[in-house]
Amino acid sequence: MSRKEAVLLVSRALAILQLIFALMELTYLPIRLISLNHHTTRVDVLGPSGYDDFWNGYYRVDIGFMFARIVIYLVFAFVFWNCGPWIERVLLPKREIHDRAD
């Protein structure tokens, strides 16, 4: 197996891992949306509470960061799948022999 084939194989494996991570993040999305819906539609007899406002904001931020993580994972999957020369240099840099004077 040549150096280029080895780098391509490792790069594709990393791309598949990133895709799996993105899909795993997607599995958490329904529970976050249900929790956000619970705290935004809840009616309190005594009026609005800071408790619901806190969780409402918390789940909005959490869902936003979840989407950001999914996008980042998908971008990395795309970059690793294409395996350009930059990825090749990162995964397996060429060895340089330096002469040292002792």
PDB file of N, CA and C in Angstrom:
ATOM      1  N   MET A   1       0.845  -1.167   0.000  1.00  0.00           N
ATOM      2  CA  MET A   1       0.000   0.000   0.000  1.00  0.00           C
ATOM      3  C   MET A   1       0.897   1.240   0.000  1.00  0.00           C
ATOM      4  N   SER A   2       0.610   2.121  -0.908  1.00  0.00           N
ATOM      5  CA  SER A   2       1.423   3.330  -1.016  1.00  0.00           C
ATOM      6  C   SER A   2       1.022   4.345   0.055  1.00  0.00           C
ATOM      7  N   ARG A   3       1.862   5.342   0.178  1.00  0.00           N
ATOM      8  CA  ARG A   3       1.620   6.394   1.166  1.00  0.00           C
ATOM      9  C   ARG A   3       0.310   7.116   0.874  1.00  0.00           C
ATOM     10  N   LYS A   4       0.055   7.405  -0.379  1.00  0.00           N
ATOM     11  CA  LYS A   4      -1.150   8.122  -0.777  1.00  0.00           C
ATOM     12  C   LYS A   4      -2.402   7.293  -0.507  1.00  0.00           C
ATOM     13  N   GLU A   5      -2.343   6.002  -0.772  1.00  0.00           N
ATOM     14  CA  GLU A   5      -3.485   5.129  -0.504  1.00  0.00           C
ATOM     15  C   GLU A   5      -3.764   5.017   0.993  1.00  0.00           C
ATOM     16  N   ALA A   6      -2.705   4.959   1.794  1.00  0.00           N
ATOM     17  CA  ALA A   6      -2.871   4.879   3.245  1.00  0.00           C
ATOM     18  C   ALA A   6      -3.516   6.152   3.782  1.00  0.00           C
ATOM     19  N   VAL A   7      -3.074   7.292   3.305  1.00  0.00           N
ATOM     20  CA  VAL A   7      -3.643   8.565   3.746  1.00  0.00           C
ATOM     21  C   VAL A   7      -5.100   8.666   3.327  1.00  0.00           C
ATOM     22  N   LEU A   8      -5.411   8.223   2.110  1.00  0.00           N
ATOM     23  CA  LEU A   8      -6.793   8.251   1.630  1.00  0.00           C
ATOM     24  C   LEU A   8      -7.675   7.352   2.489  1.00  0.00           C
ATOM     25  N   LEU A   9      -7.183   6.178   2.846  1.00  0.00           N
ATOM     26  CA  LEU A   9      -7.939   5.254   3.681  1.00  0.00           C
ATOM     27  C   LEU A   9      -8.216   5.846   5.065  1.00  0.00           C
ATOM     28  N   VAL A  10      -7.203   6.408   5.682  1.00  0.00           N
ATOM     29  CA  VAL A  10      -7.375   7.021   7.005  1.00  0.00           C
ATOM     30  C   VAL A  10      -8.299   8.233   6.912  1.00  0.00           C
ATOM     31  N   SER A  11      -8.150   9.023   5.881  1.00  0.00           N
ATOM     32  CA  SER A  11      -8.979  10.203   5.701  1.00  0.00           C
ATOM     33  C   SER A  11     -10.445   9.823   5.526  1.00  0.00           C
ATOM     34  N   ARG A  12     -10.712   8.796   4.747  1.00  0.00           N
ATOM     35  CA  ARG A  12     -12.097   8.349   4.561  1.00  0.00           C
ATOM     36  C   ARG A  12     -12.669   7.777   5.846  1.00  0.00           C
ATOM     37  N   ALA A  13     -11.847   7.080   6.623  1.00  0.00           N
ATOM     38  CA  ALA A  13     -12.313   6.547   7.914  1.00  0.00           C
ATOM     39  C   ALA A  13     -12.672   7.694   8.858  1.00  0.00           C
ATOM     40  N   LEU A  14     -11.847   8.730   8.879  1.00  0.00           N
ATOM     41  CA  LEU A  14     -12.152   9.904   9.709  1.00  0.00           C
ATOM     42  C   LEU A  14     -13.420  10.602   9.227  1.00  0.00           C
ATOM     43  N   ALA A  15     -13.635  10.642   7.920  1.00  0.00           N
ATOM     44  CA  ALA A  15     -14.846  11.254   7.377  1.00  0.00           C
ATOM     45  C   ALA A  15     -16.082  10.477   7.818  1.00  0.00           C
ATOM     46  N   ILE A  16     -15.996   9.165   7.806  1.00  0.00           N
ATOM     47  CA  ILE A  16     -17.131   8.348   8.241  1.00  0.00           C
ATOM     48  C   ILE A  16     -17.390   8.552   9.729  1.00  0.00           C
ATOM     49  N   LEU A  17     -16.330   8.654  10.521  1.00  0.00           N
ATOM     50  CA  LEU A  17     -16.505   8.920  11.952  1.00  0.00           C
ATOM     51  C   LEU A  17     -17.195  10.268  12.185  1.00  0.00           C
ATOM     52  N   GLN A  18     -16.790  11.287  11.445  1.00  0.00           N
ATOM     53  CA  GLN A  18     -17.407  12.603  11.600  1.00  0.00           C
ATOM     54  C   GLN A  18     -18.884  12.551  11.207  1.00  0.00           C
ATOM     55  N   LEU A  19     -19.212  11.789  10.182  1.00  0.00           N
ATOM     56  CA  LEU A  19     -20.600  11.641   9.768  1.00  0.00           C
ATOM     57  C   LEU A  19     -21.409  10.926  10.849  1.00  0.00           C
ATOM     58  N   ILE A  20     -20.834   9.908  11.463  1.00  0.00           N
ATOM     59  CA  ILE A  20     -21.505   9.195  12.558  1.00  0.00           C
ATOM     60  C   ILE A  20     -21.731  10.129  13.738  1.00  0.00           C
ATOM     61  N   PHE A  21     -20.741  10.958  14.068  1.00  0.00           N
ATOM     62  CA  PHE A  21     -20.902  11.912  15.166  1.00  0.00           C
ATOM     63  C   PHE A  21     -22.036  12.894  14.869  1.00  0.00           C
ATOM     64  N   ALA A  22     -22.133  13.348  13.614  1.00  0.00           N
ATOM     65  CA  ALA A  22     -23.214  14.276  13.240  1.00  0.00           C
ATOM     66  C   ALA A  22     -24.570  13.590  13.393  1.00  0.00           C
ATOM     67  N   LEU A  23     -24.654  12.335  12.988  1.00  0.00           N
ATOM     68  CA  LEU A  23     -25.918  11.605  13.130  1.00  0.00           C
ATOM     69  C   LEU A  23     -26.258  11.363  14.599  1.00  0.00           C
ATOM     70  N   MET A  24     -25.249  11.131  15.421  1.00  0.00           N
ATOM     71  CA  MET A  24     -25.497  10.961  16.853  1.00  0.00           C
ATOM     72  C   MET A  24     -26.036  12.254  17.468  1.00  0.00           C
ATOM     73  N   GLU A  25     -25.502  13.382  17.049  1.00  0.00           N
ATOM     74  CA  GLU A  25     -26.013  14.664  17.551  1.00  0.00           C
ATOM     75  C   GLU A  25     -27.465  14.866  17.137  1.00  0.00           C
ATOM     76  N   LEU A  26     -27.816  14.414  15.944  1.00  0.00           N
ATOM     77  CA  LEU A  26     -29.197  14.555  15.485  1.00  0.00           C
ATOM     78  C   LEU A  26     -30.174  13.755  16.344  1.00  0.00           C
ATOM     79  N   THR A  27     -29.715  12.659  16.941  1.00  0.00           N
ATOM     80  CA  THR A  27     -30.616  11.866  17.777  1.00  0.00           C
ATOM     81  C   THR A  27     -31.008  12.605  19.055  1.00  0.00           C
ATOM     82  N   TYR A  28     -30.219  13.571  19.489  1.00  0.00           N
ATOM     83  CA  TYR A  28     -30.549  14.346  20.679  1.00  0.00           C
ATOM     84  C   TYR A  28     -31.503  15.504  20.381  1.00  0.00           C
ATOM     85  N   LEU A  29     -31.697  15.816  19.118  1.00  0.00           N
ATOM     86  CA  LEU A  29     -32.511  16.969  18.752  1.00  0.00           C
ATOM     87  C   LEU A  29     -33.973  16.846  19.180  1.00  0.00           C
ATOM     88  N   PRO A  30     -34.652  15.714  18.999  1.00  0.00           N
ATOM     89  CA  PRO A  30     -36.067  15.657  19.398  1.00  0.00           C
ATOM     90  C   PRO A  30     -36.302  15.957  20.877  1.00  0.00           C
ATOM     91  N   ILE A  31     -35.488  15.421  21.760  1.00  0.00           N
ATOM     92  CA  ILE A  31     -35.707  15.667  23.191  1.00  0.00           C
ATOM     93  C   ILE A  31     -35.469  17.128  23.533  1.00  0.00           C
ATOM     94  N   ARG A  32     -34.493  17.766  22.872  1.00  0.00           N
ATOM     95  CA  ARG A  32     -34.251  19.185  23.125  1.00  0.00           C
ATOM     96  C   ARG A  32     -35.438  20.032  22.648  1.00  0.00           C
ATOM     97  N   LEU A  33     -35.988  19.670  21.487  1.00  0.00           N
ATOM     98  CA  LEU A  33     -37.133  20.418  20.972  1.00  0.00           C
ATOM     99  C   LEU A  33     -38.371  20.211  21.845  1.00  0.00           C
ATOM    100  N   ILE A  34     -38.574  19.001  22.333  1.00  0.00           N
ATOM    101  CA  ILE A  34     -39.703  18.732  23.223  1.00  0.00           C
ATOM    102  C   ILE A  34     -39.539  19.518  24.524  1.00  0.00           C
ATOM    103  N   SER A  35     -38.341  19.549  25.069  1.00  0.00           N
ATOM    104  CA  SER A  35     -38.099  20.300  26.304  1.00  0.00           C
ATOM    105  C   SER A  35     -38.302  21.794  26.082  1.00  0.00           C
ATOM    106  N   LEU A  36     -37.822  22.305  24.952  1.00  0.00           N
ATOM    107  CA  LEU A  36     -38.025  23.726  24.642  1.00  0.00           C
ATOM    108  C   LEU A  36     -39.517  24.026  24.513  1.00  0.00           C
ATOM    109  N   ASN A  37     -40.250  23.167  23.843  1.00  0.00           N
ATOM    110  CA  ASN A  37     -41.691  23.352  23.690  1.00  0.00           C
ATOM    111  C   ASN A  37     -42.383  23.325  25.054  1.00  0.00           C
ATOM    112  N   HIS A  38     -41.955  22.444  25.921  1.00  0.00           N
ATOM    113  CA  HIS A  38     -42.548  22.356  27.261  1.00  0.00           C
ATOM    114  C   HIS A  38     -42.378  23.662  28.033  1.00  0.00           C
ATOM    115  N   HIS A  39     -41.209  24.238  27.969  1.00  0.00           N
ATOM    116  CA  HIS A  39     -40.949  25.444  28.749  1.00  0.00           C
ATOM    117  C   HIS A  39     -41.476  26.713  28.086  1.00  0.00           C
ATOM    118  N   THR A  40     -41.713  26.689  26.787  1.00  0.00           N
ATOM    119  CA  THR A  40     -42.248  27.898  26.135  1.00  0.00           C
ATOM    120  C   THR A  40     -43.773  27.931  26.180  1.00  0.00           C
ATOM    121  N   THR A  41     -44.418  26.771  26.240  1.00  0.00           N
ATOM    122  CA  THR A  41     -45.880  26.752  26.226  1.00  0.00           C
ATOM    123  C   THR A  41     -46.484  26.566  27.612  1.00  0.00           C
ATOM    124  N   ARG A  42     -45.665  26.423  28.606  1.00  0.00           N
ATOM    125  CA  ARG A  42     -46.163  26.212  29.964  1.00  0.00           C
ATOM    126  C   ARG A  42     -46.780  27.498  30.496  1.00  0.00           C
ATOM    127  N   VAL A  43     -47.981  27.375  31.053  1.00  0.00           N
ATOM    128  CA  VAL A  43     -48.685  28.529  31.606  1.00  0.00           C
ATOM    129  C   VAL A  43     -48.658  28.399  33.124  1.00  0.00           C
ATOM    130  N   ASP A  44     -48.174  29.449  33.774  1.00  0.00           N
ATOM    131  CA  ASP A  44     -48.105  29.457  35.226  1.00  0.00           C
ATOM    132  C   ASP A  44     -49.254  30.318  35.763  1.00  0.00           C
ATOM    133  N   VAL A  45     -49.934  29.828  36.780  1.00  0.00           N
ATOM    134  CA  VAL A  45     -51.079  30.528  37.353  1.00  0.00           C
ATOM    135  C   VAL A  45     -50.656  31.865  37.949  1.00  0.00           C
ATOM    136  N   LEU A  46     -49.477  31.917  38.523  1.00  0.00           N
ATOM    137  CA  LEU A  46     -49.012  33.128  39.187  1.00  0.00           C
ATOM    138  C   LEU A  46     -48.300  34.103  38.249  1.00  0.00           C
ATOM    139  N   GLY A  47     -48.274  33.793  36.965  1.00  0.00           N
ATOM    140  CA  GLY A  47     -47.602  34.669  36.020  1.00  0.00           C
ATOM    141  C   GLY A  47     -46.281  34.055  35.564  1.00  0.00           C
ATOM    142  N   PRO A  48     -45.556  34.776  34.730  1.00  0.00           N
ATOM    143  CA  PRO A  48     -44.284  34.225  34.222  1.00  0.00           C
ATOM    144  C   PRO A  48     -43.263  34.083  35.344  1.00  0.00           C
ATOM    145  N   SER A  49     -42.532  33.000  35.275  1.00  0.00           N
ATOM    146  CA  SER A  49     -41.523  32.760  36.317  1.00  0.00           C
ATOM    147  C   SER A  49     -40.130  32.800  35.707  1.00  0.00           C
ATOM    148  N   GLY A  50     -39.171  33.108  36.544  1.00  0.00           N
ATOM    149  CA  GLY A  50     -37.778  33.105  36.100  1.00  0.00           C
ATOM    150  C   GLY A  50     -37.296  31.707  35.775  1.00  0.00           C
ATOM    151  N   TYR A  51     -37.916  30.719  36.417  1.00  0.00           N
ATOM    152  CA  TYR A  51     -37.553  29.315  36.181  1.00  0.00           C
ATOM    153  C   TYR A  51     -37.765  28.941  34.715  1.00  0.00           C
ATOM    154  N   ASP A  52     -38.954  29.233  34.197  1.00  0.00           N
ATOM    155  CA  ASP A  52     -39.248  28.897  32.804  1.00  0.00           C
ATOM    156  C   ASP A  52     -38.438  29.751  31.841  1.00  0.00           C
ATOM    157  N   ASP A  53     -38.205  31.004  32.199  1.00  0.00           N
ATOM    158  CA  ASP A  53     -37.390  31.866  31.341  1.00  0.00           C
ATOM    159  C   ASP A  53     -35.969  31.327  31.232  1.00  0.00           C
ATOM    160  N   PHE A  54     -35.444  30.829  32.347  1.00  0.00           N
ATOM    161  CA  PHE A  54     -34.091  30.271  32.332  1.00  0.00           C
ATOM    162  C   PHE A  54     -34.019  29.063  31.406  1.00  0.00           C
ATOM    163  N   TRP A  55     -34.939  28.113  31.580  1.00  0.00           N
ATOM    164  CA  TRP A  55     -34.888  26.897  30.764  1.00  0.00           C
ATOM    165  C   TRP A  55     -35.221  27.176  29.304  1.00  0.00           C
ATOM    166  N   ASN A  56     -36.077  28.135  29.067  1.00  0.00           N
ATOM    167  CA  ASN A  56     -36.385  28.536  27.696  1.00  0.00           C
ATOM    168  C   ASN A  56     -35.109  29.023  27.005  1.00  0.00           C
ATOM    169  N   GLY A  57     -34.376  29.910  27.647  1.00  0.00           N
ATOM    170  CA  GLY A  57     -33.110  30.403  27.087  1.00  0.00           C
ATOM    171  C   GLY A  57     -32.061  29.315  26.992  1.00  0.00           C
ATOM    172  N   TYR A  58     -32.013  28.460  28.003  1.00  0.00           N
ATOM    173  CA  TYR A  58     -31.034  27.369  28.021  1.00  0.00           C
ATOM    174  C   TYR A  58     -31.216  26.463  26.813  1.00  0.00           C
ATOM    175  N   TYR A  59     -32.449  26.031  26.563  1.00  0.00           N
ATOM    176  CA  TYR A  59     -32.681  25.110  25.446  1.00  0.00           C
ATOM    177  C   TYR A  59     -32.504  25.791  24.097  1.00  0.00           C
ATOM    178  N   ARG A  60     -32.773  27.066  24.001  1.00  0.00           N
ATOM    179  CA  ARG A  60     -32.522  27.782  22.737  1.00  0.00           C
ATOM    180  C   ARG A  60     -31.019  27.809  22.429  1.00  0.00           C
ATOM    181  N   VAL A  61     -30.230  28.117  23.437  1.00  0.00           N
ATOM    182  CA  VAL A  61     -28.771  28.136  23.250  1.00  0.00           C
ATOM    183  C   VAL A  61     -28.262  26.723  22.964  1.00  0.00           C
ATOM    184  N   ASP A  62     -28.776  25.746  23.691  1.00  0.00           N
ATOM    185  CA  ASP A  62     -28.361  24.361  23.512  1.00  0.00           C
ATOM    186  C   ASP A  62     -28.662  23.876  22.094  1.00  0.00           C
ATOM    187  N   ILE A  63     -29.834  24.174  21.589  1.00  0.00           N
ATOM    188  CA  ILE A  63     -30.200  23.763  20.226  1.00  0.00           C
ATOM    189  C   ILE A  63     -29.341  24.496  19.204  1.00  0.00           C
ATOM    190  N   GLY A  64     -29.063  25.768  19.440  1.00  0.00           N
ATOM    191  CA  GLY A  64     -28.194  26.516  18.525  1.00  0.00           C
ATOM    192  C   GLY A  64     -26.803  25.918  18.440  1.00  0.00           C
ATOM    193  N   PHE A  65     -26.225  25.589  19.596  1.00  0.00           N
ATOM    194  CA  PHE A  65     -24.901  24.980  19.587  1.00  0.00           C
ATOM    195  C   PHE A  65     -24.933  23.561  19.010  1.00  0.00           C
ATOM    196  N   MET A  66     -26.041  22.866  19.196  1.00  0.00           N
ATOM    197  CA  MET A  66     -26.159  21.533  18.609  1.00  0.00           C
ATOM    198  C   MET A  66     -26.125  21.613  17.083  1.00  0.00           C
ATOM    199  N   PHE A  67     -26.860  22.567  16.520  1.00  0.00           N
ATOM    200  CA  PHE A  67     -26.825  22.751  15.068  1.00  0.00           C
ATOM    201  C   PHE A  67     -25.414  23.144  14.607  1.00  0.00           C
ATOM    202  N   ALA A  68     -24.738  23.973  15.384  1.00  0.00           N
ATOM    203  CA  ALA A  68     -23.369  24.364  15.028  1.00  0.00           C
ATOM    204  C   ALA A  68     -22.445  23.143  15.026  1.00  0.00           C
ATOM    205  N   ARG A  69     -22.572  22.280  16.044  1.00  0.00           N
ATOM    206  CA  ARG A  69     -21.744  21.067  16.089  1.00  0.00           C
ATOM    207  C   ARG A  69     -22.024  20.162  14.901  1.00  0.00           C
ATOM    208  N   ILE A  70     -23.302  20.023  14.544  1.00  0.00           N
ATOM    209  CA  ILE A  70     -23.660  19.174  13.402  1.00  0.00           C
ATOM    210  C   ILE A  70     -23.046  19.720  12.124  1.00  0.00           C
ATOM    211  N   VAL A  71     -23.134  21.019  11.928  1.00  0.00           N
ATOM    212  CA  VAL A  71     -22.558  21.637  10.724  1.00  0.00           C
ATOM    213  C   VAL A  71     -21.046  21.449  10.698  1.00  0.00           C
ATOM    214  N   ILE A  72     -20.397  21.639  11.835  1.00  0.00           N
ATOM    215  CA  ILE A  72     -18.936  21.465  11.895  1.00  0.00           C
ATOM    216  C   ILE A  72     -18.545  20.033  11.591  1.00  0.00           C
ATOM    217  N   TYR A  73     -19.272  19.066  12.170  1.00  0.00           N
ATOM    218  CA  TYR A  73     -18.989  17.657  11.878  1.00  0.00           C
ATOM    219  C   TYR A  73     -19.159  17.360  10.393  1.00  0.00           C
ATOM    220  N   LEU A  74     -20.204  17.900   9.774  1.00  0.00           N
ATOM    221  CA  LEU A  74     -20.434  17.644   8.354  1.00  0.00           C
ATOM    222  C   LEU A  74     -19.369  18.301   7.478  1.00  0.00           C
ATOM    223  N   VAL A  75     -18.926  19.486   7.873  1.00  0.00           N
ATOM    224  CA  VAL A  75     -17.852  20.150   7.107  1.00  0.00           C
ATOM    225  C   VAL A  75     -16.563  19.329   7.195  1.00  0.00           C
ATOM    226  N   PHE A  76     -16.227  18.869   8.416  1.00  0.00           N
ATOM    227  CA  PHE A  76     -15.035  18.034   8.562  1.00  0.00           C
ATOM    228  C   PHE A  76     -15.171  16.736   7.780  1.00  0.00           C
ATOM    229  N   ALA A  77     -16.362  16.137   7.770  1.00  0.00           N
ATOM    230  CA  ALA A  77     -16.576  14.910   7.003  1.00  0.00           C
ATOM    231  C   ALA A  77     -16.335  15.165   5.518  1.00  0.00           C
ATOM    232  N   PHE A  78     -16.830  16.291   5.027  1.00  0.00           N
ATOM    233  CA  PHE A  78     -16.628  16.630   3.614  1.00  0.00           C
ATOM    234  C   PHE A  78     -15.152  16.854   3.305  1.00  0.00           C
ATOM    235  N   VAL A  79     -14.469  17.572   4.177  1.00  0.00           N
ATOM    236  CA  VAL A  79     -13.048  17.868   3.955  1.00  0.00           C
ATOM    237  C   VAL A  79     -12.219  16.583   3.993  1.00  0.00           C
ATOM    238  N   PHE A  80     -12.478  15.732   4.980  1.00  0.00           N
ATOM    239  CA  PHE A  80     -11.721  14.477   5.072  1.00  0.00           C
ATOM    240  C   PHE A  80     -12.052  13.540   3.927  1.00  0.00           C
ATOM    241  N   TRP A  81     -13.289  13.522   3.461  1.00  0.00           N
ATOM    242  CA  TRP A  81     -13.660  12.613   2.382  1.00  0.00           C
ATOM    243  C   TRP A  81     -12.932  12.984   1.091  1.00  0.00           C
ATOM    244  N   ASN A  82     -12.795  14.274   0.830  1.00  0.00           N
ATOM    245  CA  ASN A  82     -12.118  14.708  -0.398  1.00  0.00           C
ATOM    246  C   ASN A  82     -10.607  14.527  -0.321  1.00  0.00           C
ATOM    247  N   CYS A  83     -10.043  14.563   0.861  1.00  0.00           N
ATOM    248  CA  CYS A  83      -8.626  14.294   1.104  1.00  0.00           C
ATOM    249  C   CYS A  83      -7.717  15.060   0.152  1.00  0.00           C
ATOM    250  N   GLY A  84      -7.692  16.342   0.318  1.00  0.00           N
ATOM    251  CA  GLY A  84      -6.817  17.177  -0.497  1.00  0.00           C
ATOM    252  C   GLY A  84      -5.376  17.097  -0.024  1.00  0.00           C
ATOM    253  N   PRO A  85      -4.500  17.833  -0.666  1.00  0.00           N
ATOM    254  CA  PRO A  85      -3.083  17.794  -0.301  1.00  0.00           C
ATOM    255  C   PRO A  85      -2.827  18.311   1.119  1.00  0.00           C
ATOM    256  N   TRP A  86      -3.631  19.253   1.594  1.00  0.00           N
ATOM    257  CA  TRP A  86      -3.449  19.753   2.954  1.00  0.00           C
ATOM    258  C   TRP A  86      -3.731  18.649   3.970  1.00  0.00           C
ATOM    259  N   ILE A  87      -4.793  17.885   3.763  1.00  0.00           N
ATOM    260  CA  ILE A  87      -5.125  16.772   4.662  1.00  0.00           C
ATOM    261  C   ILE A  87      -4.026  15.717   4.597  1.00  0.00           C
ATOM    262  N   GLU A  88      -3.489  15.495   3.429  1.00  0.00           N
ATOM    263  CA  GLU A  88      -2.398  14.532   3.279  1.00  0.00           C
ATOM    264  C   GLU A  88      -1.175  14.963   4.080  1.00  0.00           C
ATOM    265  N   ARG A  89      -0.856  16.248   4.034  1.00  0.00           N
ATOM    266  CA  ARG A  89       0.291  16.748   4.805  1.00  0.00           C
ATOM    267  C   ARG A  89       0.039  16.680   6.306  1.00  0.00           C
ATOM    268  N   VAL A  90      -1.202  16.876   6.736  1.00  0.00           N
ATOM    269  CA  VAL A  90      -1.522  16.838   8.166  1.00  0.00           C
ATOM    270  C   VAL A  90      -1.481  15.415   8.693  1.00  0.00           C
ATOM    271  N   LEU A  91      -2.080  14.478   7.949  1.00  0.00           N
ATOM    272  CA  LEU A  91      -2.174  13.104   8.434  1.00  0.00           C
ATOM    273  C   LEU A  91      -0.847  12.353   8.382  1.00  0.00           C
ATOM    274  N   LEU A  92      -0.063  12.601   7.361  1.00  0.00           N
ATOM    275  CA  LEU A  92       1.194  11.876   7.229  1.00  0.00           C
ATOM    276  C   LEU A  92       2.249  12.792   6.620  1.00  0.00           C
ATOM    277  N   PRO A  93       2.862  13.601   7.449  1.00  0.00           N
ATOM    278  CA  PRO A  93       3.886  14.511   6.912  1.00  0.00           C
ATOM    279  C   PRO A  93       5.110  13.736   6.432  1.00  0.00           C
ATOM    280  N   LYS A  94       5.769  14.310   5.444  1.00  0.00           N
ATOM    281  CA  LYS A  94       6.989  13.678   4.933  1.00  0.00           C
ATOM    282  C   LYS A  94       8.111  13.855   5.944  1.00  0.00           C
ATOM    283  N   ARG A  95       8.901  12.824   6.071  1.00  0.00           N
ATOM    284  CA  ARG A  95      10.039  12.908   6.988  1.00  0.00           C
ATOM    285  C   ARG A  95      11.191  13.615   6.297  1.00  0.00           C
ATOM    286  N   GLU A  96      11.777  14.504   7.034  1.00  0.00           N
ATOM    287  CA  GLU A  96      12.949  15.193   6.517  1.00  0.00           C
ATOM    288  C   GLU A  96      14.151  14.756   7.337  1.00  0.00           C
ATOM    289  N   ILE A  97      15.216  14.457   6.641  1.00  0.00           N
ATOM    290  CA  ILE A  97      16.438  14.033   7.323  1.00  0.00           C
ATOM    291  C   ILE A  97      17.316  15.262   7.495  1.00  0.00           C
ATOM    292  N   HIS A  98      17.616  15.547   8.740  1.00  0.00           N
ATOM    293  CA  HIS A  98      18.478  16.688   9.046  1.00  0.00           C
ATOM    294  C   HIS A  98      19.832  16.172   9.509  1.00  0.00           C
ATOM    295  N   ASP A  99      20.859  16.744   8.953  1.00  0.00           N
ATOM    296  CA  ASP A  99      22.212  16.401   9.417  1.00  0.00           C
ATOM    297  C   ASP A  99      22.525  17.300  10.602  1.00  0.00           C
ATOM    298  N   ARG A 100      22.894  16.673  11.710  1.00  0.00           N
ATOM    299  CA  ARG A 100      23.248  17.440  12.891  1.00  0.00           C
ATOM    300  C   ARG A 100      24.739  17.297  13.142  1.00  0.00           C
ATOM    301  N   ALA A 101      25.322  18.397  13.496  1.00  0.00           N
ATOM    302  CA  ALA A 101      26.735  18.368  13.862  1.00  0.00           C
ATOM    303  C   ALA A 101      26.822  18.224  15.368  1.00  0.00           C
ATOM    304  N   ASP A 102      27.393  17.136  15.828  1.00  0.00           N
ATOM    305  CA  ASP A 102      27.483  16.909  17.267  1.00  0.00           C
ATOM    306  C   ASP A 102      28.779  17.425  17.825  1.00  0.00           C
TER     307      ASP A 102
END
